[in-house]
Amino acid sequence: MSIDDFTRISLFTAAQALRHPLTQMAGFRFIVDFKDTGFRQIKYCTLSNVKLIYLSGMECLPVTFKSYHVINGNFATKFLWAVMKLVLPASLRNMFNFHSSTEELFDFFPRSIIPKEYGGELENYFHGGLAQTRQ
């Protein structure tokens, strides 16, 4: 996936989530899984791309970002974080939580909203039925 496609998908996903009043009030808490991340993705980690993703999210969306929870980190995660720390303000850097296991997610999220693949209870988190109700 190209960095442009990633940015577009991220913006569309956030815009869709913003349609729900509860999300507007509570803000976003992200779980970012770096499983299978490697050298292929590092080539996109230029300062200009990191700045583009930051500005497109922070300046273009009326969203309250609460926290980012990083799981399955590896050498690529460490590299990405080293690059991102250079351009992110301290207030945003403090939102990042790096977890050594998925069990640590339960200190921040209830099991009922964590997918089963991460040790939670959520089985079906695709809300495709919402689109059908609008027809």
N, C-alpha and C. Protein backbone atom coordinates (compact mmCIF):
# COMPACT_ATOMS: atom_id res chain seq x y z
N MET A 1 0.86 -1.17 0.00
CA MET A 1 0.00 0.00 0.00
C MET A 1 0.91 1.24 0.00
N SER A 2 0.58 2.18 -0.82
CA SER A 2 1.39 3.40 -0.88
C SER A 2 1.08 4.29 0.32
N ILE A 3 1.97 5.20 0.61
CA ILE A 3 1.76 6.12 1.73
C ILE A 3 0.55 7.02 1.45
N ASP A 4 0.32 7.36 0.20
CA ASP A 4 -0.85 8.17 -0.14
C ASP A 4 -2.15 7.41 0.13
N ASP A 5 -2.17 6.12 -0.25
CA ASP A 5 -3.35 5.30 0.03
C ASP A 5 -3.57 5.13 1.52
N PHE A 6 -2.48 4.93 2.26
CA PHE A 6 -2.59 4.81 3.71
C PHE A 6 -3.18 6.07 4.33
N THR A 7 -2.72 7.23 3.88
CA THR A 7 -3.23 8.49 4.41
C THR A 7 -4.70 8.66 4.07
N ARG A 8 -5.08 8.35 2.84
CA ARG A 8 -6.48 8.46 2.44
C ARG A 8 -7.38 7.55 3.27
N ILE A 9 -6.98 6.30 3.41
CA ILE A 9 -7.77 5.34 4.17
C ILE A 9 -7.90 5.79 5.63
N SER A 10 -6.81 6.28 6.19
CA SER A 10 -6.85 6.75 7.58
C SER A 10 -7.81 7.91 7.74
N LEU A 11 -7.77 8.86 6.81
CA LEU A 11 -8.67 10.02 6.89
C LEU A 11 -10.12 9.61 6.70
N PHE A 12 -10.40 8.73 5.74
CA PHE A 12 -11.77 8.26 5.53
C PHE A 12 -12.30 7.51 6.75
N THR A 13 -11.45 6.68 7.35
CA THR A 13 -11.86 5.92 8.53
C THR A 13 -12.18 6.86 9.69
N ALA A 14 -11.32 7.83 9.91
CA ALA A 14 -11.55 8.79 10.99
C ALA A 14 -12.81 9.62 10.73
N ALA A 15 -12.99 10.04 9.49
CA ALA A 15 -14.18 10.84 9.16
C ALA A 15 -15.46 10.03 9.38
N GLN A 16 -15.43 8.76 9.04
CA GLN A 16 -16.60 7.90 9.26
C GLN A 16 -16.87 7.74 10.75
N ALA A 17 -15.83 7.51 11.53
CA ALA A 17 -16.00 7.33 12.97
C ALA A 17 -16.53 8.60 13.63
N LEU A 18 -16.20 9.75 13.08
CA LEU A 18 -16.65 11.02 13.64
C LEU A 18 -18.15 11.23 13.49
N ARG A 19 -18.79 10.45 12.68
CA ARG A 19 -20.23 10.59 12.50
C ARG A 19 -20.99 10.15 13.75
N HIS A 20 -20.36 9.38 14.61
CA HIS A 20 -21.00 8.88 15.82
C HIS A 20 -20.81 9.90 16.95
N PRO A 21 -21.89 10.36 17.58
CA PRO A 21 -21.78 11.38 18.64
C PRO A 21 -20.88 10.97 19.81
N LEU A 22 -20.89 9.69 20.17
CA LEU A 22 -20.06 9.25 21.28
C LEU A 22 -18.57 9.42 20.96
N THR A 23 -18.19 9.12 19.72
CA THR A 23 -16.80 9.31 19.31
C THR A 23 -16.43 10.80 19.35
N GLN A 24 -17.36 11.65 18.98
CA GLN A 24 -17.10 13.08 19.02
C GLN A 24 -16.80 13.55 20.43
N MET A 25 -17.47 12.97 21.40
CA MET A 25 -17.26 13.38 22.80
C MET A 25 -16.04 12.70 23.43
N ALA A 26 -15.88 11.40 23.19
CA ALA A 26 -14.85 10.63 23.89
C ALA A 26 -13.48 10.71 23.23
N GLY A 27 -13.43 10.98 21.94
CA GLY A 27 -12.14 11.03 21.24
C GLY A 27 -11.69 9.66 20.78
N PHE A 28 -10.51 9.63 20.18
CA PHE A 28 -9.96 8.40 19.60
C PHE A 28 -8.84 7.85 20.47
N ARG A 29 -8.86 6.53 20.65
CA ARG A 29 -7.79 5.78 21.28
C ARG A 29 -7.41 4.69 20.28
N PHE A 30 -6.19 4.71 19.82
CA PHE A 30 -5.76 3.80 18.76
C PHE A 30 -4.92 2.66 19.32
N ILE A 31 -5.11 1.48 18.75
CA ILE A 31 -4.20 0.35 18.98
C ILE A 31 -3.51 0.12 17.64
N VAL A 32 -2.19 0.24 17.63
CA VAL A 32 -1.42 0.10 16.40
C VAL A 32 -0.58 -1.16 16.51
N ASP A 33 -0.84 -2.11 15.61
CA ASP A 33 -0.15 -3.40 15.62
C ASP A 33 0.94 -3.38 14.56
N PHE A 34 2.18 -3.56 14.99
CA PHE A 34 3.31 -3.55 14.06
C PHE A 34 3.77 -4.95 13.67
N LYS A 35 2.89 -5.93 13.84
CA LYS A 35 3.21 -7.30 13.43
C LYS A 35 3.52 -7.30 11.94
N ASP A 36 4.54 -8.03 11.56
CA ASP A 36 4.97 -8.18 10.16
C ASP A 36 5.48 -6.88 9.55
N THR A 37 5.84 -5.90 10.37
CA THR A 37 6.44 -4.67 9.85
C THR A 37 7.94 -4.89 9.72
N GLY A 38 8.49 -4.43 8.61
CA GLY A 38 9.91 -4.64 8.39
C GLY A 38 10.51 -3.58 7.48
N PHE A 39 11.55 -3.97 6.77
CA PHE A 39 12.26 -3.04 5.89
C PHE A 39 11.38 -2.45 4.80
N ARG A 40 10.35 -3.20 4.36
CA ARG A 40 9.48 -2.70 3.28
C ARG A 40 8.83 -1.38 3.66
N GLN A 41 8.46 -1.25 4.93
CA GLN A 41 7.75 -0.06 5.37
C GLN A 41 8.69 1.09 5.73
N ILE A 42 9.92 0.78 6.09
CA ILE A 42 10.84 1.84 6.54
C ILE A 42 11.10 2.87 5.44
N LYS A 43 11.06 2.46 4.18
CA LYS A 43 11.33 3.41 3.10
C LYS A 43 10.31 4.55 3.05
N TYR A 44 9.15 4.35 3.67
CA TYR A 44 8.13 5.40 3.71
C TYR A 44 8.27 6.33 4.91
N CYS A 45 9.21 6.05 5.77
CA CYS A 45 9.36 6.81 7.02
C CYS A 45 10.27 8.02 6.84
N THR A 46 10.02 8.78 5.83
CA THR A 46 10.77 10.01 5.66
C THR A 46 10.13 11.09 6.52
N LEU A 47 10.89 12.13 6.81
CA LEU A 47 10.34 13.22 7.62
C LEU A 47 9.14 13.86 6.93
N SER A 48 9.19 13.97 5.60
CA SER A 48 8.06 14.59 4.91
C SER A 48 6.80 13.74 5.01
N ASN A 49 6.92 12.41 4.94
CA ASN A 49 5.75 11.54 5.08
C ASN A 49 5.20 11.54 6.50
N VAL A 50 6.09 11.53 7.49
CA VAL A 50 5.63 11.58 8.87
C VAL A 50 4.91 12.90 9.12
N LYS A 51 5.47 13.98 8.59
CA LYS A 51 4.83 15.30 8.74
C LYS A 51 3.48 15.33 8.03
N LEU A 52 3.40 14.73 6.85
CA LEU A 52 2.13 14.67 6.10
C LEU A 52 1.06 13.94 6.91
N ILE A 53 1.39 12.80 7.47
CA ILE A 53 0.42 12.03 8.25
C ILE A 53 0.02 12.82 9.49
N TYR A 54 0.98 13.42 10.14
CA TYR A 54 0.68 14.22 11.34
C TYR A 54 -0.25 15.39 10.99
N LEU A 55 0.11 16.17 9.99
CA LEU A 55 -0.69 17.35 9.66
C LEU A 55 -2.07 16.98 9.13
N SER A 56 -2.15 15.91 8.34
CA SER A 56 -3.45 15.52 7.81
C SER A 56 -4.40 15.09 8.92
N GLY A 57 -3.88 14.46 9.94
CA GLY A 57 -4.73 14.05 11.06
C GLY A 57 -5.00 15.16 12.04
N MET A 58 -3.97 15.89 12.40
CA MET A 58 -4.10 16.90 13.46
C MET A 58 -4.71 18.22 12.98
N GLU A 59 -4.49 18.56 11.73
CA GLU A 59 -4.95 19.86 11.23
C GLU A 59 -6.21 19.77 10.38
N CYS A 60 -6.52 18.58 9.88
CA CYS A 60 -7.65 18.45 8.95
C CYS A 60 -8.88 17.79 9.55
N LEU A 61 -8.75 17.22 10.72
CA LEU A 61 -9.88 16.52 11.34
C LEU A 61 -10.21 17.15 12.69
N PRO A 62 -11.48 17.39 12.95
CA PRO A 62 -11.88 17.90 14.26
C PRO A 62 -12.00 16.76 15.27
N VAL A 63 -10.87 16.18 15.62
CA VAL A 63 -10.83 14.97 16.43
C VAL A 63 -10.01 15.24 17.70
N THR A 64 -10.43 14.63 18.79
CA THR A 64 -9.62 14.63 19.99
C THR A 64 -8.89 13.29 20.03
N PHE A 65 -7.57 13.34 19.94
CA PHE A 65 -6.76 12.13 20.02
C PHE A 65 -6.38 11.93 21.48
N LYS A 66 -6.75 10.78 22.04
CA LYS A 66 -6.49 10.51 23.45
C LYS A 66 -5.19 9.74 23.66
N SER A 67 -5.01 8.64 22.89
CA SER A 67 -3.81 7.83 23.10
C SER A 67 -3.58 6.89 21.93
N TYR A 68 -2.33 6.46 21.83
CA TYR A 68 -1.91 5.47 20.84
C TYR A 68 -1.25 4.34 21.63
N HIS A 69 -1.65 3.12 21.35
CA HIS A 69 -1.10 1.96 22.04
C HIS A 69 -0.43 1.07 21.01
N VAL A 70 0.87 0.94 21.10
CA VAL A 70 1.67 0.21 20.12
C VAL A 70 1.96 -1.19 20.65
N ILE A 71 1.61 -2.20 19.84
CA ILE A 71 1.87 -3.59 20.21
C ILE A 71 2.67 -4.26 19.11
N ASN A 72 3.31 -5.38 19.46
CA ASN A 72 4.13 -6.17 18.54
C ASN A 72 5.22 -5.32 17.89
N GLY A 73 5.84 -4.49 18.68
CA GLY A 73 6.93 -3.64 18.17
C GLY A 73 8.16 -4.46 17.84
N ASN A 74 8.97 -3.93 16.94
CA ASN A 74 10.21 -4.58 16.53
C ASN A 74 11.21 -3.48 16.16
N PHE A 75 12.27 -3.84 15.44
CA PHE A 75 13.28 -2.85 15.08
C PHE A 75 12.69 -1.73 14.24
N ALA A 76 11.72 -2.05 13.38
CA ALA A 76 11.10 -1.02 12.54
C ALA A 76 10.31 -0.04 13.41
N THR A 77 9.67 -0.55 14.45
CA THR A 77 8.93 0.31 15.37
C THR A 77 9.88 1.29 16.05
N LYS A 78 11.02 0.78 16.50
CA LYS A 78 12.00 1.65 17.16
C LYS A 78 12.50 2.72 16.20
N PHE A 79 12.73 2.34 14.94
CA PHE A 79 13.18 3.31 13.95
C PHE A 79 12.10 4.35 13.69
N LEU A 80 10.85 3.89 13.49
CA LEU A 80 9.74 4.81 13.25
C LEU A 80 9.59 5.80 14.40
N TRP A 81 9.68 5.29 15.61
CA TRP A 81 9.52 6.16 16.78
C TRP A 81 10.65 7.17 16.87
N ALA A 82 11.86 6.74 16.54
CA ALA A 82 13.00 7.66 16.57
C ALA A 82 12.80 8.81 15.58
N VAL A 83 12.25 8.50 14.40
CA VAL A 83 11.99 9.53 13.39
C VAL A 83 10.83 10.43 13.83
N MET A 84 9.76 9.79 14.30
CA MET A 84 8.57 10.56 14.68
C MET A 84 8.84 11.50 15.86
N LYS A 85 9.65 11.06 16.82
CA LYS A 85 9.94 11.90 17.98
C LYS A 85 10.59 13.23 17.59
N LEU A 86 11.26 13.23 16.45
CA LEU A 86 11.93 14.45 16.00
C LEU A 86 10.94 15.54 15.60
N VAL A 87 9.77 15.15 15.11
CA VAL A 87 8.83 16.14 14.58
C VAL A 87 7.57 16.31 15.41
N LEU A 88 7.30 15.40 16.33
CA LEU A 88 6.08 15.49 17.12
C LEU A 88 6.27 16.39 18.33
N PRO A 89 5.27 17.21 18.63
CA PRO A 89 5.36 18.01 19.86
C PRO A 89 5.27 17.11 21.10
N ALA A 90 5.76 17.59 22.22
CA ALA A 90 5.79 16.79 23.46
C ALA A 90 4.40 16.31 23.86
N SER A 91 3.39 17.15 23.66
CA SER A 91 2.04 16.75 24.05
C SER A 91 1.59 15.51 23.28
N LEU A 92 1.97 15.39 22.03
CA LEU A 92 1.61 14.22 21.24
C LEU A 92 2.51 13.03 21.56
N ARG A 93 3.79 13.27 21.76
CA ARG A 93 4.71 12.18 22.13
C ARG A 93 4.23 11.47 23.40
N ASN A 94 3.67 12.23 24.33
CA ASN A 94 3.22 11.65 25.60
C ASN A 94 1.97 10.79 25.45
N MET A 95 1.32 10.83 24.30
CA MET A 95 0.14 10.01 24.07
C MET A 95 0.49 8.57 23.69
N PHE A 96 1.74 8.32 23.35
CA PHE A 96 2.14 7.00 22.88
C PHE A 96 2.50 6.08 24.04
N ASN A 97 1.94 4.88 24.00
CA ASN A 97 2.21 3.84 25.00
C ASN A 97 2.70 2.61 24.25
N PHE A 98 3.88 2.13 24.59
CA PHE A 98 4.44 0.94 23.96
C PHE A 98 4.26 -0.24 24.90
N HIS A 99 3.64 -1.31 24.39
CA HIS A 99 3.32 -2.46 25.22
C HIS A 99 4.16 -3.66 24.79
N SER A 100 4.70 -4.37 25.77
CA SER A 100 5.50 -5.56 25.47
C SER A 100 4.63 -6.79 25.25
N SER A 101 3.36 -6.72 25.68
CA SER A 101 2.42 -7.81 25.43
C SER A 101 1.01 -7.24 25.27
N THR A 102 0.16 -8.02 24.61
CA THR A 102 -1.21 -7.55 24.42
C THR A 102 -1.99 -7.53 25.73
N GLU A 103 -1.54 -8.29 26.72
CA GLU A 103 -2.21 -8.28 28.03
C GLU A 103 -2.19 -6.89 28.65
N GLU A 104 -1.18 -6.10 28.36
CA GLU A 104 -1.08 -4.75 28.92
C GLU A 104 -2.18 -3.83 28.38
N LEU A 105 -2.79 -4.19 27.26
CA LEU A 105 -3.88 -3.38 26.72
C LEU A 105 -5.07 -3.32 27.68
N PHE A 106 -5.23 -4.36 28.49
CA PHE A 106 -6.39 -4.42 29.39
C PHE A 106 -6.29 -3.43 30.54
N ASP A 107 -5.13 -2.80 30.70
CA ASP A 107 -5.01 -1.71 31.67
C ASP A 107 -5.66 -0.43 31.14
N PHE A 108 -5.90 -0.40 29.81
CA PHE A 108 -6.43 0.80 29.17
C PHE A 108 -7.79 0.60 28.51
N PHE A 109 -8.10 -0.64 28.14
CA PHE A 109 -9.33 -0.96 27.42
C PHE A 109 -10.03 -2.13 28.09
N PRO A 110 -11.37 -2.14 28.09
CA PRO A 110 -12.08 -3.33 28.60
C PRO A 110 -11.94 -4.50 27.62
N ARG A 111 -11.90 -5.70 28.15
CA ARG A 111 -11.77 -6.90 27.30
C ARG A 111 -12.86 -6.98 26.24
N SER A 112 -14.02 -6.45 26.53
CA SER A 112 -15.16 -6.57 25.62
C SER A 112 -14.95 -5.84 24.30
N ILE A 113 -14.04 -4.89 24.23
CA ILE A 113 -13.82 -4.16 22.97
C ILE A 113 -12.50 -4.51 22.30
N ILE A 114 -11.76 -5.45 22.86
CA ILE A 114 -10.50 -5.91 22.26
C ILE A 114 -10.79 -7.19 21.47
N PRO A 115 -10.35 -7.25 20.19
CA PRO A 115 -10.58 -8.46 19.39
C PRO A 115 -9.95 -9.71 20.03
N LYS A 116 -10.56 -10.86 19.75
CA LYS A 116 -10.09 -12.13 20.30
C LYS A 116 -8.63 -12.41 19.96
N GLU A 117 -8.20 -11.99 18.78
CA GLU A 117 -6.81 -12.25 18.38
C GLU A 117 -5.80 -11.58 19.30
N TYR A 118 -6.25 -10.61 20.09
CA TYR A 118 -5.38 -9.92 21.05
C TYR A 118 -5.72 -10.30 22.48
N GLY A 119 -6.51 -11.34 22.67
CA GLY A 119 -6.85 -11.82 24.00
C GLY A 119 -8.14 -11.25 24.57
N GLY A 120 -8.85 -10.46 23.77
CA GLY A 120 -10.10 -9.87 24.23
C GLY A 120 -11.29 -10.75 23.94
N GLU A 121 -12.46 -10.17 24.03
CA GLU A 121 -13.71 -10.92 23.84
C GLU A 121 -14.45 -10.57 22.55
N LEU A 122 -14.03 -9.55 21.84
CA LEU A 122 -14.74 -9.08 20.65
C LEU A 122 -14.54 -10.04 19.49
N GLU A 123 -15.64 -10.56 18.97
CA GLU A 123 -15.57 -11.52 17.86
C GLU A 123 -15.75 -10.86 16.51
N ASN A 124 -16.74 -10.00 16.38
CA ASN A 124 -17.04 -9.39 15.10
C ASN A 124 -17.00 -7.87 15.25
N TYR A 125 -15.96 -7.26 14.74
CA TYR A 125 -15.84 -5.81 14.88
C TYR A 125 -16.02 -5.09 13.55
N PHE A 126 -16.52 -5.79 12.54
CA PHE A 126 -16.85 -5.15 11.27
C PHE A 126 -18.31 -4.75 11.30
N HIS A 127 -18.57 -3.47 11.13
CA HIS A 127 -19.94 -2.97 11.22
C HIS A 127 -20.53 -2.72 9.85
N GLY A 128 -20.36 -3.68 8.97
CA GLY A 128 -20.87 -3.54 7.61
C GLY A 128 -22.38 -3.38 7.56
N GLY A 129 -23.10 -3.87 8.54
CA GLY A 129 -24.54 -3.78 8.57
C GLY A 129 -25.04 -2.35 8.66
N LEU A 130 -24.22 -1.44 9.16
CA LEU A 130 -24.64 -0.04 9.27
C LEU A 130 -24.93 0.57 7.90
N ALA A 131 -24.13 0.20 6.91
CA ALA A 131 -24.33 0.75 5.57
C ALA A 131 -25.64 0.23 4.98
N GLN A 132 -26.01 -0.99 5.30
CA GLN A 132 -27.24 -1.57 4.76
C GLN A 132 -28.48 -0.91 5.33
N THR A 133 -28.41 -0.40 6.56
CA THR A 133 -29.59 0.21 7.16
C THR A 133 -29.91 1.56 6.53
N ARG A 134 -29.00 2.17 5.84
CA ARG A 134 -29.21 3.47 5.23
C ARG A 134 -29.89 3.37 3.87
N GLN A 135 -29.97 2.20 3.30
CA GLN A 135 -30.53 2.06 1.95
C GLN A 135 -32.02 2.15 1.95
